[in-house]
Amino acid sequence: MAVNPKEYFMKKTVYAILIFCLVIGVCLTVLDFMSAGKDGISVPSDLSKVVVELNEKARTDELLFTRELDVPSIVDLYIQSDDNSVKYIKLVSESDILGMSGREVSYMVRSAEGTSYISSSFVILPGRYSVYLTSEQTDGRIAVGYRETAMDTSEFERLYKIHRGDLYNPPEGYTEIYSVDLAGKSCKDEVVYTISANGTEGIGLSVYTYLEKGTAWVDLIGEAQSYMGLGHPDFNRICDKLEIALQRGEYEIRLNCEDAEGRVYIFLKR
């Protein structure tokens, strides 16, 4: 049975690798932790951070911070909380976020501390972006770490073309394995490519979608590993350079689409 990516994204935040790839596949590697406090919040020391005491008051779209980008930049966000109540973090950009149809991203946050966290990376065009918090008044804290890195010019130009609908712009070393015009097509878990791994094997996967309407996404399904909701229009149309270490076995790349008009391209590096 096909999994609804929107529900999956909201409920299965442990699949942090999907969050990394939804925009550009730039992974936030968390190796250098600050010493965890008594509440277990430990934001990496190379990130700036804002920590909020949730017991002070209830909040509705309270501004946590605003940043100004002078050049296209990779913006990394890292979120932790030691409280299990439902909280919402929202990023709003004045400029385009590559791979997204809108300029707003929201997270539902419960408890995530110690080695558990929510992390995302975005490429945002020059301009201002802001981060907001909605929460009830409750014991505990929430921490938002952030980092901005100027985007390599050639990589930005490549991704910007994809963002504008020119999908045939794979990373160096990637080969097209599937593409389709979705007009008039409807499918559920249609197998479009199979990967056989004879042993542990590293691969790179890029999925680009550009839709005028409807929905379409790609899943990579295996006995030991699965990656779902790649290139989904509700989250991000660009999954770029998702690097995976496959265990031995068979893996199917499956396409799902409904009432869609647009295109899908899949590229692979082995």
Protein backbone atom coordinates (compact mmCIF):
# COMPACT_ATOMS: atom_id res chain seq x y z
CA MET A 1 0.00 0.00 0.00
CA ALA A 2 1.32 3.46 -0.85
CA VAL A 3 2.20 5.70 2.06
CA ASN A 4 0.82 9.26 2.14
CA PRO A 5 4.04 11.32 2.27
CA LYS A 6 2.41 14.27 4.05
CA GLU A 7 1.22 12.07 6.93
CA TYR A 8 4.50 10.19 6.88
CA PHE A 9 6.52 13.42 7.09
CA MET A 10 4.53 14.74 10.03
CA LYS A 11 4.56 11.50 12.02
CA LYS A 12 7.91 9.93 11.19
CA THR A 13 10.46 12.64 11.93
CA VAL A 14 13.02 9.95 12.74
CA TYR A 15 13.58 9.69 8.99
CA ALA A 16 15.85 12.72 9.15
CA ILE A 17 17.65 11.77 5.94
CA LEU A 18 14.49 12.54 3.98
CA ILE A 19 14.35 15.98 5.43
CA PHE A 20 17.95 16.55 4.36
CA CYS A 21 17.33 15.60 0.76
CA LEU A 22 14.05 17.36 0.24
CA VAL A 23 15.76 20.50 -0.91
CA ILE A 24 19.25 19.78 -2.17
CA GLY A 25 20.58 16.72 -0.41
CA VAL A 26 22.99 18.75 1.70
CA CYS A 27 23.22 16.80 4.95
CA LEU A 28 23.83 18.47 8.27
CA THR A 29 26.40 16.19 9.87
CA VAL A 30 26.10 16.36 13.61
CA LEU A 31 29.42 15.27 15.05
CA ASP A 32 30.39 18.09 17.36
CA PHE A 33 27.85 18.34 20.17
CA MET A 34 27.98 20.74 23.04
CA SER A 35 27.70 19.06 26.39
CA ALA A 36 24.10 18.18 26.99
CA GLY A 37 22.42 20.13 29.73
CA LYS A 38 20.28 18.59 32.40
CA ASP A 39 17.35 18.63 29.97
CA GLY A 40 19.27 16.84 27.20
CA ILE A 41 19.26 19.70 24.68
CA SER A 42 22.57 19.70 22.81
CA VAL A 43 22.82 21.98 19.77
CA PRO A 44 26.04 21.52 17.75
CA SER A 45 28.57 24.17 18.70
CA ASP A 46 29.09 25.39 15.12
CA LEU A 47 25.47 26.59 14.92
CA SER A 48 24.02 29.80 16.27
CA LYS A 49 21.03 29.09 18.48
CA VAL A 50 17.94 30.50 20.16
CA VAL A 51 16.63 28.74 23.29
CA VAL A 52 13.10 29.47 24.52
CA GLU A 53 11.70 28.76 28.00
CA LEU A 54 8.23 27.42 27.28
CA ASN A 55 6.91 28.03 30.80
CA GLU A 56 6.96 31.81 30.39
CA LYS A 57 3.79 32.11 28.30
CA ALA A 58 1.78 30.69 25.41
CA ARG A 59 2.94 31.80 21.96
CA THR A 60 1.28 32.18 18.57
CA ASP A 61 3.64 32.85 15.67
CA GLU A 62 6.11 34.58 17.97
CA LEU A 63 9.17 35.79 16.07
CA LEU A 64 12.32 34.01 17.26
CA PHE A 65 14.78 35.60 14.85
CA THR A 66 15.14 37.24 11.46
CA ARG A 67 18.16 36.92 9.16
CA GLU A 68 19.20 38.73 5.97
CA LEU A 69 20.92 36.80 3.17
CA ASP A 70 23.11 38.80 0.80
CA VAL A 71 23.78 35.88 -1.56
CA PRO A 72 22.07 32.55 -2.31
CA SER A 73 22.78 30.46 0.78
CA ILE A 74 22.33 27.04 2.32
CA VAL A 75 20.37 27.52 5.53
CA ASP A 76 20.63 24.66 8.02
CA LEU A 77 18.04 24.39 10.79
CA TYR A 78 18.36 22.13 13.83
CA ILE A 79 15.50 21.76 16.34
CA GLN A 80 15.39 20.11 19.76
CA SER A 81 12.97 20.18 22.69
CA ASP A 82 12.75 18.46 26.06
CA ASP A 83 8.97 18.86 26.26
CA ASN A 84 6.51 16.46 24.63
CA SER A 85 3.68 18.94 23.98
CA VAL A 86 2.92 19.87 20.37
CA LYS A 87 4.87 22.89 19.16
CA TYR A 88 5.23 24.46 15.73
CA ILE A 89 8.31 26.04 14.20
CA LYS A 90 7.74 27.99 10.99
CA LEU A 91 10.30 29.41 8.56
CA VAL A 92 9.05 32.18 6.27
CA SER A 93 11.21 33.58 3.46
CA GLU A 94 10.72 36.75 1.43
CA SER A 95 12.58 35.07 -1.44
CA ASP A 96 12.27 31.73 -3.25
CA ILE A 97 13.29 28.53 -1.49
CA LEU A 98 14.74 26.29 -4.19
CA GLY A 99 12.56 23.30 -4.98
CA MET A 100 9.53 24.61 -3.14
CA SER A 101 6.35 26.04 -4.62
CA GLY A 102 5.89 28.33 -1.61
CA ARG A 103 8.09 30.33 0.72
CA GLU A 104 7.04 28.82 4.04
CA VAL A 105 8.07 25.63 5.86
CA SER A 106 6.45 24.34 9.06
CA TYR A 107 7.50 21.67 11.58
CA MET A 108 5.46 19.96 14.25
CA VAL A 109 7.81 19.34 17.18
CA ARG A 110 7.44 17.12 20.21
CA SER A 111 10.23 15.84 22.43
CA ALA A 112 13.59 15.55 20.67
CA GLU A 113 16.70 15.64 22.82
CA GLY A 114 20.14 14.12 23.22
CA THR A 115 20.84 12.39 19.90
CA SER A 116 17.27 12.92 18.67
CA TYR A 117 16.57 16.04 16.62
CA ILE A 118 14.85 17.52 13.57
CA SER A 119 17.16 18.94 10.94
CA SER A 120 16.68 20.46 7.50
CA SER A 121 18.74 22.24 4.86
CA PHE A 122 17.40 24.75 2.34
CA VAL A 123 18.80 26.89 -0.44
CA ILE A 124 17.28 30.34 -0.13
CA LEU A 125 17.72 33.25 -2.52
CA PRO A 126 18.98 36.63 -1.25
CA GLY A 127 16.58 38.39 1.06
CA ARG A 128 15.14 38.08 4.55
CA TYR A 129 13.89 34.97 6.28
CA SER A 130 12.29 34.66 9.71
CA VAL A 131 11.59 31.83 12.15
CA TYR A 132 8.46 31.74 14.36
CA LEU A 133 7.25 29.63 17.29
CA THR A 134 3.73 28.57 18.27
CA SER A 135 3.40 26.73 21.61
CA GLU A 136 1.30 26.38 24.70
CA GLN A 137 2.58 27.41 28.11
CA THR A 138 4.28 24.34 29.51
CA ASP A 139 7.40 23.21 31.31
CA GLY A 140 10.47 22.66 29.20
CA ARG A 141 12.43 24.36 26.46
CA ILE A 142 12.84 24.38 22.71
CA ALA A 143 16.08 25.22 20.91
CA VAL A 144 16.50 26.25 17.28
CA GLY A 145 20.00 26.18 15.83
CA TYR A 146 20.82 27.73 12.47
CA ARG A 147 23.73 28.17 10.10
CA GLU A 148 24.09 29.97 6.78
CA THR A 149 26.65 29.06 4.13
CA ALA A 150 27.07 30.92 0.84
CA MET A 151 26.07 28.63 -2.02
CA ASP A 152 28.63 27.69 -4.67
CA THR A 153 27.75 29.75 -7.74
CA SER A 154 27.77 26.92 -10.28
CA GLU A 155 25.76 24.61 -8.00
CA PHE A 156 23.24 27.35 -7.35
CA GLU A 157 22.82 28.03 -11.07
CA ARG A 158 22.25 24.32 -11.73
CA LEU A 159 19.66 23.99 -8.97
CA TYR A 160 17.97 27.23 -9.94
CA LYS A 161 17.41 25.87 -13.45
CA ILE A 162 15.75 22.79 -11.94
CA HIS A 163 13.68 25.02 -9.68
CA ARG A 164 12.42 26.87 -12.77
CA GLY A 165 11.46 23.61 -14.52
CA ASP A 166 14.59 22.71 -16.55
CA LEU A 167 14.92 19.27 -14.98
CA TYR A 168 17.68 17.81 -17.12
CA ASN A 169 20.49 19.25 -15.00
CA PRO A 170 21.91 16.31 -13.01
CA PRO A 171 25.01 16.50 -10.80
CA GLU A 172 28.30 15.42 -12.33
CA GLY A 173 28.60 11.63 -12.47
CA TYR A 174 24.83 11.00 -12.40
CA THR A 175 23.05 9.20 -15.25
CA GLU A 176 19.38 9.43 -16.17
CA ILE A 177 17.57 6.15 -15.42
CA TYR A 178 13.97 7.31 -15.83
CA SER A 179 11.91 10.25 -17.01
CA VAL A 180 8.24 10.67 -17.82
CA ASP A 181 5.69 13.23 -18.92
CA LEU A 182 2.89 12.79 -16.39
CA ALA A 183 0.06 14.19 -18.53
CA GLY A 184 -2.82 11.72 -18.41
CA LYS A 185 -0.88 9.29 -16.20
CA SER A 186 -2.05 7.87 -12.88
CA CYS A 187 -0.15 5.16 -11.02
CA LYS A 188 0.40 3.65 -7.60
CA ASP A 189 3.70 2.03 -6.64
CA GLU A 190 4.69 1.59 -10.28
CA VAL A 191 8.19 0.06 -10.42
CA VAL A 192 10.26 2.17 -12.81
CA TYR A 193 13.76 0.90 -11.96
CA THR A 194 15.39 -1.91 -9.94
CA ILE A 195 18.77 -1.82 -8.21
CA SER A 196 20.54 -5.05 -7.25
CA ALA A 197 23.19 -4.62 -4.55
CA ASN A 198 25.50 -7.64 -4.29
CA GLY A 199 27.08 -6.27 -1.13
CA THR A 200 27.17 -2.99 0.73
CA GLU A 201 27.15 -0.39 -2.02
CA GLY A 202 27.09 3.39 -1.99
CA ILE A 203 24.83 5.10 -4.51
CA GLY A 204 23.67 8.61 -5.25
CA LEU A 205 20.07 9.37 -6.16
CA SER A 206 18.54 12.58 -7.53
CA VAL A 207 14.81 13.02 -8.10
CA TYR A 208 13.43 16.16 -9.76
CA THR A 209 9.74 16.92 -10.21
CA TYR A 210 7.97 19.90 -11.71
CA LEU A 211 4.18 19.83 -11.62
CA GLU A 212 1.55 22.16 -12.98
CA LYS A 213 -1.10 20.36 -10.93
CA GLY A 214 -1.76 17.15 -9.04
CA THR A 215 0.78 15.18 -7.07
CA ALA A 216 3.68 12.83 -7.78
CA TRP A 217 6.48 11.36 -5.74
CA VAL A 218 9.11 8.61 -5.82
CA ASP A 219 9.89 5.92 -3.23
CA LEU A 220 12.98 3.72 -2.94
CA ILE A 221 11.81 0.45 -1.38
CA GLY A 222 14.01 -2.41 -0.16
CA GLU A 223 13.84 -5.20 2.39
CA ALA A 224 16.27 -3.50 4.76
CA GLN A 225 15.94 0.17 3.81
CA SER A 226 13.26 2.44 2.39
CA TYR A 227 13.24 6.14 1.50
CA MET A 228 9.82 7.59 0.83
CA GLY A 229 8.33 10.77 -0.54
CA LEU A 230 11.29 11.85 -2.68
CA GLY A 231 10.61 14.85 -4.89
CA HIS A 232 7.16 15.46 -3.44
CA PRO A 233 5.51 18.75 -4.56
CA ASP A 234 4.02 19.48 -1.13
CA PHE A 235 7.46 19.43 0.51
CA ASN A 236 10.13 19.84 -2.11
CA ARG A 237 10.31 19.17 -5.80
CA ILE A 238 14.09 18.68 -5.67
CA CYS A 239 15.85 15.76 -4.00
CA ASP A 240 19.45 16.27 -5.05
CA LYS A 241 22.42 13.99 -4.38
CA LEU A 242 20.86 11.75 -1.77
CA GLU A 243 23.80 9.47 -0.88
CA ILE A 244 22.82 6.06 0.46
CA ALA A 245 24.80 2.99 1.58
CA LEU A 246 22.62 0.12 0.38
CA GLN A 247 22.80 -3.23 2.10
CA ARG A 248 22.79 -6.41 0.01
CA GLY A 249 19.46 -7.01 -1.71
CA GLU A 250 16.96 -5.81 -4.28
CA TYR A 251 15.62 -2.25 -4.31
CA GLU A 252 12.73 -0.89 -6.33
CA ILE A 253 12.28 2.72 -7.37
CA ARG A 254 8.52 3.30 -7.45
CA LEU A 255 6.51 6.15 -8.92
CA ASN A 256 3.20 7.41 -7.56
CA CYS A 257 1.13 10.07 -9.28
CA GLU A 258 -2.46 11.27 -9.30
CA ASP A 259 -4.18 13.87 -11.45
CA ALA A 260 -0.74 15.18 -12.36
CA GLU A 261 0.53 17.36 -15.17
CA GLY A 262 4.26 17.84 -15.30
CA ARG A 263 7.47 15.83 -15.43
CA VAL A 264 9.66 13.58 -13.31
CA TYR A 265 13.36 12.87 -13.82
CA ILE A 266 15.42 10.34 -11.85
CA PHE A 267 19.23 10.20 -11.95
CA LEU A 268 21.53 7.59 -10.40
CA LYS A 269 25.23 7.41 -9.56
CA ARG A 270 26.85 4.04 -8.85
